[in-house]
Each structure stands twice: as C-alpha cells, then as structure tokens.
C-alpha cells in the first residue's frame, strides 16, 4: 500500500471518530485566558486557566475587573452524575500569569460567598455565562 493511501485511510478514520463524538469538547472564554471547558461529557465542565481551577460541574461564571466568580455543583463520587443538592461558590483573583498564581476562595456556600463579596468590595457579582443543570441527552 502506498504512503499516500495509508495517510488518506488514517485521515478518514480520525475524521470518522471525531464526527462520532468520541473526542467531543467545547469551551467558552470567561475573560482573558480563563475558560469554562468540557471534554467528552458536558458534566465535566470546569473552569481552567492553564490548569483546572474549579472542578466539574461549573454551571455559572462571571467576572469584574479584579475577580472571577463561579458556581459549581459537585459530581457524586467522582462520577458523571451532578449533585444538584449542593451549590459551591468560588471567587478567583484574576492574574495575567499563564497559571493561576493568586488566591482562589472556595468551595464556599452562598452565605460565605455574599460575606466574602462584601469583604472584597465586590458589588453585585453577575454570572453572565450559564449552563443547564438538567443534562439529559
């Protein structure tokens, strides 16, 4: 078999696998190089900046000039089942470095989040990126 034919078969195989969704992924930029990303399963949606900052399942994110905010439902037993009974909040101080080198607060509950917002002088944090929590496909 010629090299060109092998390459075409290889390329078509990869294209077929990709189109089947085996390597499905997506991401949304929150700000700068902070992204909400998922690989293979939407239930794996997490907040990244060069590395994972907030584990799955991130269902809301936002920012102001100094901080990012995220809401997260944890996964049950590190499985792909979202625990809708728990909502964790995170506040992440923004950095221009490649990796997160400034403080990350969380996981904290809603009351702690509101108190920390007052302490850090964060007025009206908005979660402008939101994702569904009923992921039945």
Protein backbone atom coordinates (compact mmCIF):
# COMPACT_ATOMS: atom_id res chain seq x y z
CA UNK A 1 0.00 0.00 0.00
CA UNK A 2 1.39 3.39 -0.87
CA UNK A 3 2.16 6.00 1.76
CA UNK A 4 -0.47 8.40 0.33
CA UNK A 5 -3.19 5.77 0.51
CA UNK A 6 -2.28 4.94 4.13
CA UNK A 7 -2.41 8.62 5.02
CA UNK A 8 -5.85 9.05 3.43
CA UNK A 9 -7.20 5.99 5.26
CA UNK A 10 -5.73 7.28 8.54
CA UNK A 11 -7.19 10.75 7.96
CA UNK A 12 -10.65 9.39 7.13
CA UNK A 13 -10.57 7.13 10.21
CA UNK A 14 -9.75 10.07 12.50
CA UNK A 15 -12.42 12.19 10.81
CA UNK A 16 -14.99 9.42 11.33
CA UNK A 17 -14.09 9.00 15.01
CA UNK A 18 -14.21 12.76 15.55
CA UNK A 19 -17.61 13.07 13.90
CA UNK A 20 -18.98 10.25 16.08
CA UNK A 21 -18.40 12.42 19.16
CA UNK A 22 -15.75 10.26 20.78
CA UNK A 23 -13.49 13.30 21.15
CA UNK A 24 -16.18 15.92 21.64
CA UNK A 25 -15.29 19.05 23.58
CA UNK A 26 -16.01 22.74 23.88
CA UNK A 27 -15.07 25.87 25.76
CA UNK A 28 -16.26 29.40 26.45
CA UNK A 29 -13.97 32.25 27.43
CA UNK A 30 -14.96 33.99 30.64
CA UNK A 31 -12.31 36.71 30.31
CA UNK A 32 -8.67 36.80 29.20
CA UNK A 33 -7.46 33.18 29.20
CA UNK A 34 -9.93 31.91 31.81
CA UNK A 35 -12.20 29.34 30.17
CA UNK A 36 -15.08 27.07 31.07
CA UNK A 37 -14.19 23.85 29.25
CA UNK A 38 -15.56 20.33 28.89
CA UNK A 39 -14.10 17.25 27.25
CA UNK A 40 -16.21 14.25 26.18
CA UNK A 41 -19.11 14.99 28.57
CA UNK A 42 -20.89 18.23 29.41
CA UNK A 43 -20.95 17.01 33.02
CA UNK A 44 -17.17 17.53 33.05
CA UNK A 45 -17.46 21.31 32.53
CA UNK A 46 -14.81 23.03 34.70
CA UNK A 47 -13.02 26.39 34.98
CA UNK A 48 -9.45 26.48 33.65
CA UNK A 49 -6.52 28.84 33.37
CA UNK A 50 -3.70 26.65 32.10
CA UNK A 51 -4.92 24.09 34.65
CA UNK A 52 -8.18 23.26 36.37
CA UNK A 53 -9.15 25.88 38.95
CA UNK A 54 -12.76 24.87 39.69
CA UNK A 55 -13.73 21.19 39.26
CA UNK A 56 -16.88 19.98 37.49
CA UNK A 57 -19.72 20.78 37.23
CA UNK A 58 -19.37 24.55 36.68
CA UNK A 59 -22.81 25.86 35.73
CA UNK A 60 -22.28 29.63 36.01
CA UNK A 61 -19.35 32.03 35.72
CA UNK A 62 -18.80 35.77 35.63
CA UNK A 63 -16.21 38.41 36.37
CA UNK A 64 -15.44 42.01 37.24
CA UNK A 65 -12.22 43.97 36.81
CA UNK A 66 -10.42 42.09 39.63
CA UNK A 67 -12.18 38.76 40.23
CA UNK A 68 -13.89 35.81 38.56
CA UNK A 69 -16.89 34.13 40.15
CA UNK A 70 -18.11 30.59 39.60
CA UNK A 71 -20.99 28.41 40.77
CA UNK A 72 -20.47 24.69 40.84
CA UNK A 73 -22.44 21.54 41.62
CA UNK A 74 -20.03 18.74 42.57
CA UNK A 75 -20.14 15.35 40.92
CA UNK A 76 -21.28 12.40 43.02
CA UNK A 77 -18.41 10.03 43.88
CA UNK A 78 -16.29 11.50 41.04
CA UNK A 79 -18.87 10.05 38.69
CA UNK A 80 -20.62 11.91 35.90
CA UNK A 81 -23.75 12.49 37.99
CA UNK A 82 -24.27 16.10 39.08
CA UNK A 83 -25.30 16.63 42.72
CA UNK A 84 -27.92 19.38 42.38
CA UNK A 85 -28.40 19.43 46.17
CA UNK A 86 -25.06 21.21 46.71
CA UNK A 87 -24.04 24.55 45.23
CA UNK A 88 -20.48 25.69 45.79
CA UNK A 89 -19.24 29.19 45.05
CA UNK A 90 -15.75 30.31 44.11
CA UNK A 91 -14.05 33.69 43.90
CA UNK A 92 -10.78 33.77 41.97
CA UNK A 93 -8.47 36.76 41.92
CA UNK A 94 -7.51 37.42 38.30
CA UNK A 95 -3.90 37.18 37.19
CA UNK A 96 -2.05 37.84 33.95
CA UNK A 97 0.29 34.88 34.51
CA UNK A 98 -0.08 31.66 32.49
CA UNK A 99 -1.25 29.68 35.54
CA UNK A 100 -3.39 30.81 38.45
CA UNK A 101 -0.92 32.26 40.96
CA UNK A 102 -3.31 34.39 43.02
CA UNK A 103 -5.77 33.38 45.69
CA UNK A 104 -8.81 31.23 44.99
CA UNK A 105 -11.60 31.18 47.57
CA UNK A 106 -13.80 28.12 47.57
CA UNK A 107 -15.61 25.93 47.71
CA UNK A 108 -17.83 28.11 49.91
CA UNK A 109 -21.60 28.24 50.40
CA UNK A 110 -23.87 31.11 49.32
CA UNK A 111 -23.80 32.89 52.70
CA UNK A 112 -19.98 32.75 52.81
CA UNK A 113 -19.89 33.95 49.20
CA UNK A 114 -22.05 37.00 49.98
CA UNK A 115 -19.97 37.83 53.09
CA UNK A 116 -16.71 37.46 51.15
CA UNK A 117 -18.06 39.68 48.37
CA UNK A 118 -18.69 42.41 50.98
CA UNK A 119 -15.20 41.96 52.45
CA UNK A 120 -13.54 42.09 49.00
CA UNK A 121 -15.77 45.02 47.96
CA UNK A 122 -17.37 43.08 45.12
CA UNK A 123 -20.65 44.78 44.31
CA UNK A 124 -23.40 42.83 42.53
CA UNK A 125 -21.40 39.90 41.10
CA UNK A 126 -23.01 38.81 37.83
CA UNK A 127 -22.88 35.31 36.41
CA UNK A 128 -23.21 36.09 32.71
CA UNK A 129 -22.15 32.63 31.48
CA UNK A 130 -24.70 30.00 32.49
CA UNK A 131 -25.16 26.36 31.59
CA UNK A 132 -28.04 23.91 32.02
CA UNK A 133 -28.22 21.69 35.06
CA UNK A 134 -30.67 19.19 33.53
CA UNK A 135 -28.26 17.37 31.24
CA UNK A 136 -30.49 14.62 29.93
CA UNK A 137 -29.42 13.89 26.36
